[in-house]
């Protein structure tokens, strides 16, 4: 006969296993939980594309009001990078007529403010 203690133990084991599975699937990092009080710890540890993080931190630290993208291809990788940058720097706005341009290629007649890997920030 199955008693109440065995059912409780079985349910507890199932719940723990499900929590482990969920944490693995969402790439949960205990380092983030231990250091929750540090500034930008989630961005530093959870962002897999460091280009988005580096250029976003520069935009925020320089107190830019707006920015634009140039020379990005219409593919999933570039679209994802653009989306991450826009979401990281919010409330700084993306504007098509901005003088601050984030580009994949070097631009002529503009002053380069920042470079990381093959990503550039210019002021035109």
PDB file of N, CA and C in Angstrom:
ATOM      1  N   UNK A   1       0.835  -1.176   0.000  1.00  0.00           N
ATOM      2  CA  UNK A   1       0.000   0.000   0.000  1.00  0.00           C
ATOM      3  C   UNK A   1       0.886   1.248   0.000  1.00  0.00           C
ATOM      4  N   UNK A   2       0.509   2.220  -0.813  1.00  0.00           N
ATOM      5  CA  UNK A   2       1.257   3.468  -0.902  1.00  0.00           C
ATOM      6  C   UNK A   2       0.758   4.399   0.195  1.00  0.00           C
ATOM      7  N   UNK A   3       1.708   4.856   0.990  1.00  0.00           N
ATOM      8  CA  UNK A   3       1.301   5.752   2.074  1.00  0.00           C
ATOM      9  C   UNK A   3       1.590   7.213   1.707  1.00  0.00           C
ATOM     10  N   UNK A   4       1.142   8.108   2.526  1.00  0.00           N
ATOM     11  CA  UNK A   4       1.254   9.544   2.278  1.00  0.00           C
ATOM     12  C   UNK A   4       2.717   9.994   2.235  1.00  0.00           C
ATOM     13  N   UNK A   5       3.568   9.402   3.032  1.00  0.00           N
ATOM     14  CA  UNK A   5       4.978   9.764   3.084  1.00  0.00           C
ATOM     15  C   UNK A   5       5.661   9.455   1.753  1.00  0.00           C
ATOM     16  N   UNK A   6       5.363   8.315   1.159  1.00  0.00           N
ATOM     17  CA  UNK A   6       5.972   7.944  -0.117  1.00  0.00           C
ATOM     18  C   UNK A   6       5.508   8.866  -1.252  1.00  0.00           C
ATOM     19  N   UNK A   7       4.250   9.233  -1.238  1.00  0.00           N
ATOM     20  CA  UNK A   7       3.721  10.138  -2.264  1.00  0.00           C
ATOM     21  C   UNK A   7       4.383  11.511  -2.148  1.00  0.00           C
ATOM     22  N   UNK A   8       4.541  11.998  -0.944  1.00  0.00           N
ATOM     23  CA  UNK A   8       5.193  13.286  -0.712  1.00  0.00           C
ATOM     24  C   UNK A   8       6.641  13.249  -1.181  1.00  0.00           C
ATOM     25  N   UNK A   9       7.343  12.187  -0.877  1.00  0.00           N
ATOM     26  CA  UNK A   9       8.735  12.036  -1.303  1.00  0.00           C
ATOM     27  C   UNK A   9       8.832  11.987  -2.824  1.00  0.00           C
ATOM     28  N   UNK A  10       7.980  11.233  -3.461  1.00  0.00           N
ATOM     29  CA  UNK A  10       7.980  11.115  -4.917  1.00  0.00           C
ATOM     30  C   UNK A  10       7.681  12.460  -5.582  1.00  0.00           C
ATOM     31  N   UNK A  11       6.700  13.173  -5.090  1.00  0.00           N
ATOM     32  CA  UNK A  11       6.374  14.488  -5.639  1.00  0.00           C
ATOM     33  C   UNK A  11       7.511  15.488  -5.431  1.00  0.00           C
ATOM     34  N   UNK A  12       8.167  15.426  -4.298  1.00  0.00           N
ATOM     35  CA  UNK A  12       9.304  16.310  -4.025  1.00  0.00           C
ATOM     36  C   UNK A  12      10.439  16.046  -5.001  1.00  0.00           C
ATOM     37  N   UNK A  13      10.725  14.792  -5.255  1.00  0.00           N
ATOM     38  CA  UNK A  13      11.785  14.427  -6.200  1.00  0.00           C
ATOM     39  C   UNK A  13      11.430  14.912  -7.607  1.00  0.00           C
ATOM     40  N   UNK A  14      10.192  14.738  -8.011  1.00  0.00           N
ATOM     41  CA  UNK A  14       9.753  15.185  -9.336  1.00  0.00           C
ATOM     42  C   UNK A  14       9.876  16.703  -9.465  1.00  0.00           C
ATOM     43  N   UNK A  15       9.494  17.428  -8.439  1.00  0.00           N
ATOM     44  CA  UNK A  15       9.582  18.894  -8.468  1.00  0.00           C
ATOM     45  C   UNK A  15      11.031  19.346  -8.564  1.00  0.00           C
ATOM     46  N   UNK A  16      11.910  18.747  -7.799  1.00  0.00           N
ATOM     47  CA  UNK A  16      13.331  19.110  -7.839  1.00  0.00           C
ATOM     48  C   UNK A  16      13.916  18.818  -9.222  1.00  0.00           C
ATOM     49  N   UNK A  17      13.601  17.673  -9.784  1.00  0.00           N
ATOM     50  CA  UNK A  17      14.098  17.333 -11.117  1.00  0.00           C
ATOM     51  C   UNK A  17      13.571  18.300 -12.181  1.00  0.00           C
ATOM     52  N   UNK A  18      12.328  18.702 -12.066  1.00  0.00           N
ATOM     53  CA  UNK A  18      11.766  19.668 -13.007  1.00  0.00           C
ATOM     54  C   UNK A  18      12.446  21.034 -12.875  1.00  0.00           C
ATOM     55  N   UNK A  19      12.742  21.451 -11.664  1.00  0.00           N
ATOM     56  CA  UNK A  19      13.452  22.719 -11.462  1.00  0.00           C
ATOM     57  C   UNK A  19      14.851  22.672 -12.061  1.00  0.00           C
ATOM     58  N   UNK A  20      15.529  21.550 -11.908  1.00  0.00           N
ATOM     59  CA  UNK A  20      16.856  21.389 -12.505  1.00  0.00           C
ATOM     60  C   UNK A  20      16.758  21.448 -14.028  1.00  0.00           C
ATOM     61  N   UNK A  21      15.777  20.783 -14.593  1.00  0.00           N
ATOM     62  CA  UNK A  21      15.579  20.794 -16.041  1.00  0.00           C
ATOM     63  C   UNK A  21      15.286  22.204 -16.556  1.00  0.00           C
ATOM     64  N   UNK A  22      14.420  22.916 -15.880  1.00  0.00           N
ATOM     65  CA  UNK A  22      14.083  24.280 -16.291  1.00  0.00           C
ATOM     66  C   UNK A  22      15.303  25.189 -16.196  1.00  0.00           C
ATOM     67  N   UNK A  23      16.055  25.101 -15.108  1.00  0.00           N
ATOM     68  CA  UNK A  23      17.236  25.953 -14.952  1.00  0.00           C
ATOM     69  C   UNK A  23      18.286  25.651 -16.011  1.00  0.00           C
ATOM     70  N   UNK A  24      18.394  24.413 -16.410  1.00  0.00           N
ATOM     71  CA  UNK A  24      19.341  24.055 -17.467  1.00  0.00           C
ATOM     72  C   UNK A  24      18.889  24.619 -18.817  1.00  0.00           C
ATOM     73  N   UNK A  25      17.625  24.529 -19.106  1.00  0.00           N
ATOM     74  CA  UNK A  25      17.108  24.999 -20.399  1.00  0.00           C
ATOM     75  C   UNK A  25      17.185  26.504 -20.554  1.00  0.00           C
ATOM     76  N   UNK A  26      17.056  27.240 -19.487  1.00  0.00           N
ATOM     77  CA  UNK A  26      17.125  28.696 -19.589  1.00  0.00           C
ATOM     78  C   UNK A  26      18.521  29.227 -19.268  1.00  0.00           C
ATOM     79  N   UNK A  27      19.494  28.342 -19.143  1.00  0.00           N
ATOM     80  CA  UNK A  27      20.886  28.709 -18.864  1.00  0.00           C
ATOM     81  C   UNK A  27      21.001  29.536 -17.586  1.00  0.00           C
ATOM     82  N   UNK A  28      20.326  29.109 -16.559  1.00  0.00           N
ATOM     83  CA  UNK A  28      20.370  29.802 -15.276  1.00  0.00           C
ATOM     84  C   UNK A  28      21.784  29.756 -14.716  1.00  0.00           C
ATOM     85  N   UNK A  29      22.258  30.875 -14.218  1.00  0.00           N
ATOM     86  CA  UNK A  29      23.606  30.982 -13.680  1.00  0.00           C
ATOM     87  C   UNK A  29      23.520  31.367 -12.202  1.00  0.00           C
ATOM     88  N   UNK A  30      24.036  30.517 -11.343  1.00  0.00           N
ATOM     89  CA  UNK A  30      23.997  30.810  -9.906  1.00  0.00           C
ATOM     90  C   UNK A  30      24.870  32.012  -9.552  1.00  0.00           C
ATOM     91  N   UNK A  31      25.864  32.302 -10.395  1.00  0.00           N
ATOM     92  CA  UNK A  31      26.719  33.466 -10.160  1.00  0.00           C
ATOM     93  C   UNK A  31      25.884  34.754 -10.181  1.00  0.00           C
ATOM     94  N   UNK A  32      24.899  34.812 -11.057  1.00  0.00           N
ATOM     95  CA  UNK A  32      24.012  35.978 -11.118  1.00  0.00           C
ATOM     96  C   UNK A  32      23.202  36.091  -9.832  1.00  0.00           C
ATOM     97  N   UNK A  33      22.707  34.976  -9.350  1.00  0.00           N
ATOM     98  CA  UNK A  33      21.912  34.981  -8.124  1.00  0.00           C
ATOM     99  C   UNK A  33      22.750  35.411  -6.918  1.00  0.00           C
ATOM    100  N   UNK A  34      23.996  34.946  -6.849  1.00  0.00           N
ATOM    101  CA  UNK A  34      24.872  35.292  -5.726  1.00  0.00           C
ATOM    102  C   UNK A  34      25.293  36.758  -5.753  1.00  0.00           C
ATOM    103  N   UNK A  35      25.366  37.354  -6.948  1.00  0.00           N
ATOM    104  CA  UNK A  35      25.845  38.733  -7.089  1.00  0.00           C
ATOM    105  C   UNK A  35      24.756  39.670  -7.602  1.00  0.00           C
ATOM    106  N   UNK A  36      23.524  39.434  -7.213  1.00  0.00           N
ATOM    107  CA  UNK A  36      22.397  40.214  -7.716  1.00  0.00           C
ATOM    108  C   UNK A  36      22.511  41.698  -7.392  1.00  0.00           C
ATOM    109  N   UNK A  37      23.239  42.068  -6.384  1.00  0.00           N
ATOM    110  CA  UNK A  37      23.333  43.450  -5.939  1.00  0.00           C
ATOM    111  C   UNK A  37      24.334  44.265  -6.756  1.00  0.00           C
ATOM    112  N   UNK A  38      25.157  43.627  -7.573  1.00  0.00           N
ATOM    113  CA  UNK A  38      26.149  44.344  -8.372  1.00  0.00           C
ATOM    114  C   UNK A  38      25.494  44.940  -9.616  1.00  0.00           C
ATOM    115  N   UNK A  39      25.983  46.107  -9.997  1.00  0.00           N
ATOM    116  CA  UNK A  39      25.419  46.811 -11.141  1.00  0.00           C
ATOM    117  C   UNK A  39      25.743  46.064 -12.442  1.00  0.00           C
ATOM    118  N   UNK A  40      24.762  45.904 -13.296  1.00  0.00           N
ATOM    119  CA  UNK A  40      24.890  45.306 -14.629  1.00  0.00           C
ATOM    120  C   UNK A  40      25.394  43.869 -14.628  1.00  0.00           C
ATOM    121  N   UNK A  41      25.261  43.145 -13.526  1.00  0.00           N
ATOM    122  CA  UNK A  41      25.747  41.764 -13.473  1.00  0.00           C
ATOM    123  C   UNK A  41      24.974  40.877 -14.444  1.00  0.00           C
ATOM    124  N   UNK A  42      23.689  41.127 -14.591  1.00  0.00           N
ATOM    125  CA  UNK A  42      22.881  40.300 -15.496  1.00  0.00           C
ATOM    126  C   UNK A  42      23.312  40.522 -16.938  1.00  0.00           C
ATOM    127  N   UNK A  43      23.540  41.768 -17.323  1.00  0.00           N
ATOM    128  CA  UNK A  43      23.985  42.033 -18.689  1.00  0.00           C
ATOM    129  C   UNK A  43      25.346  41.409 -18.965  1.00  0.00           C
ATOM    130  N   UNK A  44      26.262  41.544 -18.027  1.00  0.00           N
ATOM    131  CA  UNK A  44      27.611  41.015 -18.239  1.00  0.00           C
ATOM    132  C   UNK A  44      27.621  39.502 -18.376  1.00  0.00           C
ATOM    133  N   UNK A  45      26.830  38.829 -17.584  1.00  0.00           N
ATOM    134  CA  UNK A  45      26.877  37.363 -17.557  1.00  0.00           C
ATOM    135  C   UNK A  45      25.921  36.696 -18.530  1.00  0.00           C
ATOM    136  N   UNK A  46      24.809  37.335 -18.838  1.00  0.00           N
ATOM    137  CA  UNK A  46      23.804  36.646 -19.646  1.00  0.00           C
ATOM    138  C   UNK A  46      23.902  36.932 -21.137  1.00  0.00           C
ATOM    139  N   UNK A  47      24.563  38.010 -21.511  1.00  0.00           N
ATOM    140  CA  UNK A  47      24.651  38.355 -22.924  1.00  0.00           C
ATOM    141  C   UNK A  47      25.723  37.504 -23.590  1.00  0.00           C
ATOM    142  N   UNK A  48      25.314  36.780 -24.605  1.00  0.00           N
ATOM    143  CA  UNK A  48      26.259  35.925 -25.301  1.00  0.00           C
ATOM    144  C   UNK A  48      27.003  36.674 -26.401  1.00  0.00           C
ATOM    145  N   UNK A  49      26.422  37.743 -26.921  1.00  0.00           N
ATOM    146  CA  UNK A  49      27.063  38.547 -27.955  1.00  0.00           C
ATOM    147  C   UNK A  49      27.710  39.762 -27.288  1.00  0.00           C
ATOM    148  N   UNK A  50      29.007  39.704 -27.094  1.00  0.00           N
ATOM    149  CA  UNK A  50      29.715  40.769 -26.380  1.00  0.00           C
ATOM    150  C   UNK A  50      29.742  42.081 -27.156  1.00  0.00           C
ATOM    151  N   UNK A  51      29.582  42.023 -28.483  1.00  0.00           N
ATOM    152  CA  UNK A  51      29.558  43.256 -29.273  1.00  0.00           C
ATOM    153  C   UNK A  51      28.397  44.139 -28.836  1.00  0.00           C
ATOM    154  N   UNK A  52      27.241  43.549 -28.674  1.00  0.00           N
ATOM    155  CA  UNK A  52      26.057  44.313 -28.261  1.00  0.00           C
ATOM    156  C   UNK A  52      26.276  44.930 -26.887  1.00  0.00           C
ATOM    157  N   UNK A  53      26.864  44.178 -25.982  1.00  0.00           N
ATOM    158  CA  UNK A  53      27.106  44.689 -24.633  1.00  0.00           C
ATOM    159  C   UNK A  53      28.101  45.849 -24.659  1.00  0.00           C
ATOM    160  N   UNK A  54      29.226  45.672 -25.355  1.00  0.00           N
ATOM    161  CA  UNK A  54      30.278  46.693 -25.353  1.00  0.00           C
ATOM    162  C   UNK A  54      29.802  48.009 -25.966  1.00  0.00           C
ATOM    163  N   UNK A  55      29.164  47.938 -27.122  1.00  0.00           N
ATOM    164  CA  UNK A  55      28.719  49.186 -27.758  1.00  0.00           C
ATOM    165  C   UNK A  55      27.577  49.823 -26.976  1.00  0.00           C
ATOM    166  N   UNK A  56      26.739  49.019 -26.362  1.00  0.00           N
ATOM    167  CA  UNK A  56      25.647  49.561 -25.545  1.00  0.00           C
ATOM    168  C   UNK A  56      26.187  50.291 -24.324  1.00  0.00           C
ATOM    169  N   UNK A  57      27.184  49.723 -23.673  1.00  0.00           N
ATOM    170  CA  UNK A  57      27.774  50.377 -22.508  1.00  0.00           C
ATOM    171  C   UNK A  57      28.446  51.688 -22.904  1.00  0.00           C
ATOM    172  N   UNK A  58      29.072  51.712 -24.083  1.00  0.00           N
ATOM    173  CA  UNK A  58      29.689  52.956 -24.542  1.00  0.00           C
ATOM    174  C   UNK A  58      28.622  54.021 -24.785  1.00  0.00           C
ATOM    175  N   UNK A  59      27.536  53.645 -25.446  1.00  0.00           N
ATOM    176  CA  UNK A  59      26.449  54.594 -25.726  1.00  0.00           C
ATOM    177  C   UNK A  59      25.875  55.142 -24.421  1.00  0.00           C
ATOM    178  N   UNK A  60      25.671  54.284 -23.452  1.00  0.00           N
ATOM    179  CA  UNK A  60      25.117  54.713 -22.164  1.00  0.00           C
ATOM    180  C   UNK A  60      26.102  55.608 -21.419  1.00  0.00           C
ATOM    181  N   UNK A  61      27.372  55.221 -21.377  1.00  0.00           N
ATOM    182  CA  UNK A  61      28.379  55.991 -20.641  1.00  0.00           C
ATOM    183  C   UNK A  61      28.658  57.347 -21.276  1.00  0.00           C
ATOM    184  N   UNK A  62      28.497  57.451 -22.588  1.00  0.00           N
ATOM    185  CA  UNK A  62      28.722  58.724 -23.281  1.00  0.00           C
ATOM    186  C   UNK A  62      27.483  59.621 -23.280  1.00  0.00           C
ATOM    187  N   UNK A  63      26.394  59.132 -22.702  1.00  0.00           N
ATOM    188  CA  UNK A  63      25.137  59.894 -22.617  1.00  0.00           C
ATOM    189  C   UNK A  63      24.641  60.380 -23.981  1.00  0.00           C
ATOM    190  N   UNK A  64      24.716  59.514 -24.972  1.00  0.00           N
ATOM    191  CA  UNK A  64      24.191  59.864 -26.290  1.00  0.00           C
ATOM    192  C   UNK A  64      22.666  59.885 -26.227  1.00  0.00           C
ATOM    193  N   UNK A  65      22.060  60.770 -27.013  1.00  0.00           N
ATOM    194  CA  UNK A  65      20.600  60.904 -27.001  1.00  0.00           C
ATOM    195  C   UNK A  65      19.913  59.978 -27.988  1.00  0.00           C
ATOM    196  N   UNK A  66      20.606  59.668 -29.086  1.00  0.00           N
ATOM    197  CA  UNK A  66      20.014  58.829 -30.119  1.00  0.00           C
ATOM    198  C   UNK A  66      21.121  58.185 -30.946  1.00  0.00           C
ATOM    199  N   UNK A  67      20.732  57.281 -31.833  1.00  0.00           N
ATOM    200  CA  UNK A  67      21.687  56.587 -32.695  1.00  0.00           C
ATOM    201  C   UNK A  67      20.948  56.008 -33.887  1.00  0.00           C
ATOM    202  N   UNK A  68      21.740  55.579 -34.879  1.00  0.00           N
ATOM    203  CA  UNK A  68      21.195  54.978 -36.089  1.00  0.00           C
ATOM    204  C   UNK A  68      22.116  53.831 -36.502  1.00  0.00           C
ATOM    205  N   UNK A  69      21.623  52.938 -37.348  1.00  0.00           N
ATOM    206  CA  UNK A  69      22.420  51.828 -37.858  1.00  0.00           C
ATOM    207  C   UNK A  69      22.723  52.049 -39.335  1.00  0.00           C
ATOM    208  N   UNK A  70      23.915  51.623 -39.767  1.00  0.00           N
ATOM    209  CA  UNK A  70      24.280  51.689 -41.182  1.00  0.00           C
ATOM    210  C   UNK A  70      25.120  50.463 -41.529  1.00  0.00           C
ATOM    211  N   UNK A  71      25.024  50.039 -42.765  1.00  0.00           N
ATOM    212  CA  UNK A  71      25.823  48.927 -43.306  1.00  0.00           C
ATOM    213  C   UNK A  71      25.593  47.604 -42.586  1.00  0.00           C
ATOM    214  N   UNK A  72      24.398  47.376 -42.134  1.00  0.00           N
ATOM    215  CA  UNK A  72      24.033  46.084 -41.558  1.00  0.00           C
ATOM    216  C   UNK A  72      23.295  45.288 -42.627  1.00  0.00           C
ATOM    217  N   UNK A  73      23.544  44.002 -42.673  1.00  0.00           N
ATOM    218  CA  UNK A  73      22.854  43.154 -43.638  1.00  0.00           C
ATOM    219  C   UNK A  73      21.495  42.746 -43.082  1.00  0.00           C
ATOM    220  N   UNK A  74      20.629  42.369 -43.972  1.00  0.00           N
ATOM    221  CA  UNK A  74      19.287  41.954 -43.568  1.00  0.00           C
ATOM    222  C   UNK A  74      19.282  40.446 -43.315  1.00  0.00           C
ATOM    223  N   UNK A  75      19.984  40.037 -42.258  1.00  0.00           N
ATOM    224  CA  UNK A  75      20.006  38.616 -41.890  1.00  0.00           C
ATOM    225  C   UNK A  75      19.720  38.487 -40.393  1.00  0.00           C
ATOM    226  N   UNK A  76      19.569  37.264 -39.954  1.00  0.00           N
ATOM    227  CA  UNK A  76      19.160  37.022 -38.565  1.00  0.00           C
ATOM    228  C   UNK A  76      20.210  37.498 -37.564  1.00  0.00           C
ATOM    229  N   UNK A  77      21.487  37.295 -37.876  1.00  0.00           N
ATOM    230  CA  UNK A  77      22.554  37.684 -36.948  1.00  0.00           C
ATOM    231  C   UNK A  77      22.592  39.197 -36.738  1.00  0.00           C
ATOM    232  N   UNK A  78      22.560  39.955 -37.838  1.00  0.00           N
ATOM    233  CA  UNK A  78      22.594  41.413 -37.717  1.00  0.00           C
ATOM    234  C   UNK A  78      21.308  41.959 -37.102  1.00  0.00           C
ATOM    235  N   UNK A  79      20.181  41.384 -37.456  1.00  0.00           N
ATOM    236  CA  UNK A  79      18.910  41.829 -36.871  1.00  0.00           C
ATOM    237  C   UNK A  79      18.885  41.585 -35.367  1.00  0.00           C
ATOM    238  N   UNK A  80      19.413  40.453 -34.955  1.00  0.00           N
ATOM    239  CA  UNK A  80      19.476  40.136 -33.528  1.00  0.00           C
ATOM    240  C   UNK A  80      20.394  41.113 -32.797  1.00  0.00           C
ATOM    241  N   UNK A  81      21.529  41.436 -33.402  1.00  0.00           N
ATOM    242  CA  UNK A  81      22.460  42.390 -32.803  1.00  0.00           C
ATOM    243  C   UNK A  81      21.807  43.760 -32.664  1.00  0.00           C
ATOM    244  N   UNK A  82      21.132  44.210 -33.702  1.00  0.00           N
ATOM    245  CA  UNK A  82      20.455  45.504 -33.646  1.00  0.00           C
ATOM    246  C   UNK A  82      19.379  45.516 -32.561  1.00  0.00           C
ATOM    247  N   UNK A  83      18.627  44.455 -32.492  1.00  0.00           N
ATOM    248  CA  UNK A  83      17.556  44.368 -31.489  1.00  0.00           C
ATOM    249  C   UNK A  83      18.128  44.405 -30.073  1.00  0.00           C
ATOM    250  N   UNK A  84      19.222  43.712 -29.846  1.00  0.00           N
ATOM    251  CA  UNK A  84      19.837  43.711 -28.510  1.00  0.00           C
ATOM    252  C   UNK A  84      20.356  45.093 -28.139  1.00  0.00           C
ATOM    253  N   UNK A  85      20.988  45.761 -29.088  1.00  0.00           N
ATOM    254  CA  UNK A  85      21.507  47.105 -28.810  1.00  0.00           C
ATOM    255  C   UNK A  85      20.361  48.047 -28.454  1.00  0.00           C
ATOM    256  N   UNK A  86      19.291  48.016 -29.235  1.00  0.00           N
ATOM    257  CA  UNK A  86      18.139  48.890 -28.974  1.00  0.00           C
ATOM    258  C   UNK A  86      17.555  48.612 -27.591  1.00  0.00           C
ATOM    259  N   UNK A  87      17.440  47.345 -27.228  1.00  0.00           N
ATOM    260  CA  UNK A  87      16.842  47.021 -25.927  1.00  0.00           C
ATOM    261  C   UNK A  87      17.782  47.340 -24.767  1.00  0.00           C
ATOM    262  N   UNK A  88      19.091  47.191 -24.955  1.00  0.00           N
ATOM    263  CA  UNK A  88      20.033  47.479 -23.869  1.00  0.00           C
ATOM    264  C   UNK A  88      20.119  48.966 -23.562  1.00  0.00           C
ATOM    265  N   UNK A  89      20.069  49.804 -24.584  1.00  0.00           N
ATOM    266  CA  UNK A  89      20.287  51.237 -24.365  1.00  0.00           C
ATOM    267  C   UNK A  89      19.006  52.011 -24.085  1.00  0.00           C
ATOM    268  N   UNK A  90      17.870  51.326 -24.068  1.00  0.00           N
ATOM    269  CA  UNK A  90      16.612  52.009 -23.774  1.00  0.00           C
ATOM    270  C   UNK A  90      16.746  52.780 -22.470  1.00  0.00           C
ATOM    271  N   UNK A  91      16.373  54.019 -22.393  1.00  0.00           N
ATOM    272  CA  UNK A  91      15.475  54.837 -23.195  1.00  0.00           C
ATOM    273  C   UNK A  91      16.152  55.658 -24.295  1.00  0.00           C
ATOM    274  N   UNK A  92      17.436  55.449 -24.554  1.00  0.00           N
ATOM    275  CA  UNK A  92      18.079  56.130 -25.675  1.00  0.00           C
ATOM    276  C   UNK A  92      17.428  55.623 -26.957  1.00  0.00           C
ATOM    277  N   UNK A  93      17.107  56.541 -27.852  1.00  0.00           N
ATOM    278  CA  UNK A  93      16.255  56.188 -28.984  1.00  0.00           C
ATOM    279  C   UNK A  93      17.020  55.940 -30.275  1.00  0.00           C
ATOM    280  N   UNK A  94      16.470  55.037 -31.058  1.00  0.00           N
ATOM    281  CA  UNK A  94      16.914  54.807 -32.427  1.00  0.00           C
ATOM    282  C   UNK A  94      16.194  55.809 -33.319  1.00  0.00           C
ATOM    283  N   UNK A  95      16.977  56.639 -34.042  1.00  0.00           N
ATOM    284  CA  UNK A  95      16.383  57.629 -34.948  1.00  0.00           C
ATOM    285  C   UNK A  95      17.127  57.574 -36.278  1.00  0.00           C
ATOM    286  N   UNK A  96      16.379  57.611 -37.365  1.00  0.00           N
ATOM    287  CA  UNK A  96      16.988  57.507 -38.692  1.00  0.00           C
ATOM    288  C   UNK A  96      17.852  58.713 -39.039  1.00  0.00           C
ATOM    289  N   UNK A  97      17.575  59.865 -38.480  1.00  0.00           N
ATOM    290  CA  UNK A  97      18.343  61.066 -38.803  1.00  0.00           C
ATOM    291  C   UNK A  97      19.372  61.407 -37.725  1.00  0.00           C
ATOM    292  N   UNK A  98      19.794  60.445 -36.956  1.00  0.00           N
ATOM    293  CA  UNK A  98      20.758  60.680 -35.881  1.00  0.00           C
ATOM    294  C   UNK A  98      22.158  60.906 -36.448  1.00  0.00           C
ATOM    295  N   UNK A  99      22.947  61.703 -35.745  1.00  0.00           N
ATOM    296  CA  UNK A  99      24.336  61.913 -36.159  1.00  0.00           C
ATOM    297  C   UNK A  99      25.251  60.812 -35.619  1.00  0.00           C
ATOM    298  N   UNK A 100      24.783  60.022 -34.661  1.00  0.00           N
ATOM    299  CA  UNK A 100      25.548  58.897 -34.112  1.00  0.00           C
ATOM    300  C   UNK A 100      25.163  57.633 -34.874  1.00  0.00           C
ATOM    301  N   UNK A 101      26.130  57.062 -35.588  1.00  0.00           N
ATOM    302  CA  UNK A 101      25.842  55.936 -36.471  1.00  0.00           C
ATOM    303  C   UNK A 101      26.654  54.718 -36.048  1.00  0.00           C
ATOM    304  N   UNK A 102      25.953  53.605 -35.843  1.00  0.00           N
ATOM    305  CA  UNK A 102      26.597  52.323 -35.564  1.00  0.00           C
ATOM    306  C   UNK A 102      26.707  51.599 -36.895  1.00  0.00           C
ATOM    307  N   UNK A 103      27.931  51.207 -37.256  1.00  0.00           N
ATOM    308  CA  UNK A 103      28.153  50.644 -38.584  1.00  0.00           C
ATOM    309  C   UNK A 103      29.014  49.390 -38.517  1.00  0.00           C
ATOM    310  N   UNK A 104      28.851  48.525 -39.514  1.00  0.00           N
ATOM    311  CA  UNK A 104      29.700  47.343 -39.666  1.00  0.00           C
ATOM    312  C   UNK A 104      30.963  47.674 -40.463  1.00  0.00           C
ATOM    313  N   UNK A 105      30.916  48.764 -41.243  1.00  0.00           N
ATOM    314  CA  UNK A 105      32.042  49.159 -42.092  1.00  0.00           C
ATOM    315  C   UNK A 105      32.506  50.551 -41.693  1.00  0.00           C
ATOM    316  N   UNK A 106      33.733  50.876 -42.089  1.00  0.00           N
ATOM    317  CA  UNK A 106      34.266  52.203 -41.807  1.00  0.00           C
ATOM    318  C   UNK A 106      33.581  53.220 -42.702  1.00  0.00           C
ATOM    319  N   UNK A 107      33.264  54.371 -42.129  1.00  0.00           N
ATOM    320  CA  UNK A 107      32.579  55.436 -42.857  1.00  0.00           C
ATOM    321  C   UNK A 107      33.543  56.589 -43.112  1.00  0.00           C
ATOM    322  N   UNK A 108      33.449  57.167 -44.295  1.00  0.00           N
ATOM    323  CA  UNK A 108      34.256  58.332 -44.649  1.00  0.00           C
ATOM    324  C   UNK A 108      33.564  59.593 -44.137  1.00  0.00           C
ATOM    325  N   UNK A 109      34.336  60.626 -43.896  1.00  0.00           N
ATOM    326  CA  UNK A 109      33.830  61.941 -43.486  1.00  0.00           C
ATOM    327  C   UNK A 109      33.086  61.910 -42.152  1.00  0.00           C
ATOM    328  N   UNK A 110      33.396  60.952 -41.313  1.00  0.00           N
ATOM    329  CA  UNK A 110      32.800  60.869 -39.983  1.00  0.00           C
ATOM    330  C   UNK A 110      33.913  60.601 -38.972  1.00  0.00           C
ATOM    331  N   UNK A 111      33.728  61.074 -37.764  1.00  0.00           N
ATOM    332  CA  UNK A 111      34.738  60.826 -36.731  1.00  0.00           C
ATOM    333  C   UNK A 111      34.359  59.569 -35.939  1.00  0.00           C
ATOM    334  N   UNK A 112      35.338  58.688 -35.830  1.00  0.00           N
ATOM    335  CA  UNK A 112      35.106  57.425 -35.123  1.00  0.00           C
ATOM    336  C   UNK A 112      35.197  57.665 -33.624  1.00  0.00           C
ATOM    337  N   UNK A 113      34.163  57.242 -32.903  1.00  0.00           N
ATOM    338  CA  UNK A 113      34.128  57.424 -31.455  1.00  0.00           C
ATOM    339  C   UNK A 113      34.430  56.138 -30.707  1.00  0.00           C
ATOM    340  N   UNK A 114      34.125  54.993 -31.341  1.00  0.00           N
ATOM    341  CA  UNK A 114      34.274  53.712 -30.648  1.00  0.00           C
ATOM    342  C   UNK A 114      34.416  52.600 -31.675  1.00  0.00           C
ATOM    343  N   UNK A 115      35.232  51.594 -31.319  1.00  0.00           N
ATOM    344  CA  UNK A 115      35.381  50.416 -32.175  1.00  0.00           C
ATOM    345  C   UNK A 115      35.494  49.185 -31.295  1.00  0.00           C
ATOM    346  N   UNK A 116      34.759  48.144 -31.662  1.00  0.00           N
ATOM    347  CA  UNK A 116      34.862  46.854 -30.983  1.00  0.00           C
ATOM    348  C   UNK A 116      34.658  45.779 -32.032  1.00  0.00           C
ATOM    349  N   UNK A 117      35.672  44.965 -32.220  1.00  0.00           N
ATOM    350  CA  UNK A 117      35.637  43.912 -33.231  1.00  0.00           C
ATOM    351  C   UNK A 117      35.385  44.576 -34.581  1.00  0.00           C
ATOM    352  N   UNK A 118      34.364  44.188 -35.309  1.00  0.00           N
ATOM    353  CA  UNK A 118      34.067  44.831 -36.596  1.00  0.00           C
ATOM    354  C   UNK A 118      32.824  45.714 -36.497  1.00  0.00           C
ATOM    355  N   UNK A 119      32.654  46.341 -35.350  1.00  0.00           N
ATOM    356  CA  UNK A 119      31.509  47.214 -35.104  1.00  0.00           C
ATOM    357  C   UNK A 119      32.037  48.595 -34.711  1.00  0.00           C
ATOM    358  N   UNK A 120      31.529  49.629 -35.381  1.00  0.00           N
ATOM    359  CA  UNK A 120      32.038  50.981 -35.185  1.00  0.00           C
ATOM    360  C   UNK A 120      30.905  51.929 -34.804  1.00  0.00           C
ATOM    361  N   UNK A 121      31.257  52.953 -34.036  1.00  0.00           N
ATOM    362  CA  UNK A 121      30.318  54.031 -33.730  1.00  0.00           C
ATOM    363  C   UNK A 121      30.945  55.326 -34.223  1.00  0.00           C
ATOM    364  N   UNK A 122      30.223  56.016 -35.104  1.00  0.00           N
ATOM    365  CA  UNK A 122      30.699  57.258 -35.698  1.00  0.00           C
ATOM    366  C   UNK A 122      29.778  58.407 -35.339  1.00  0.00           C
ATOM    367  N   UNK A 123      30.377  59.602 -35.364  1.00  0.00           N
ATOM    368  CA  UNK A 123      29.590  60.828 -35.268  1.00  0.00           C
ATOM    369  C   UNK A 123      29.762  61.565 -36.581  1.00  0.00           C
ATOM    370  N   UNK A 124      28.668  61.762 -37.279  1.00  0.00           N
ATOM    371  CA  UNK A 124      28.709  62.412 -38.602  1.00  0.00           C
ATOM    372  C   UNK A 124      28.020  63.764 -38.560  1.00  0.00           C
TER     373      UNK A 124
END
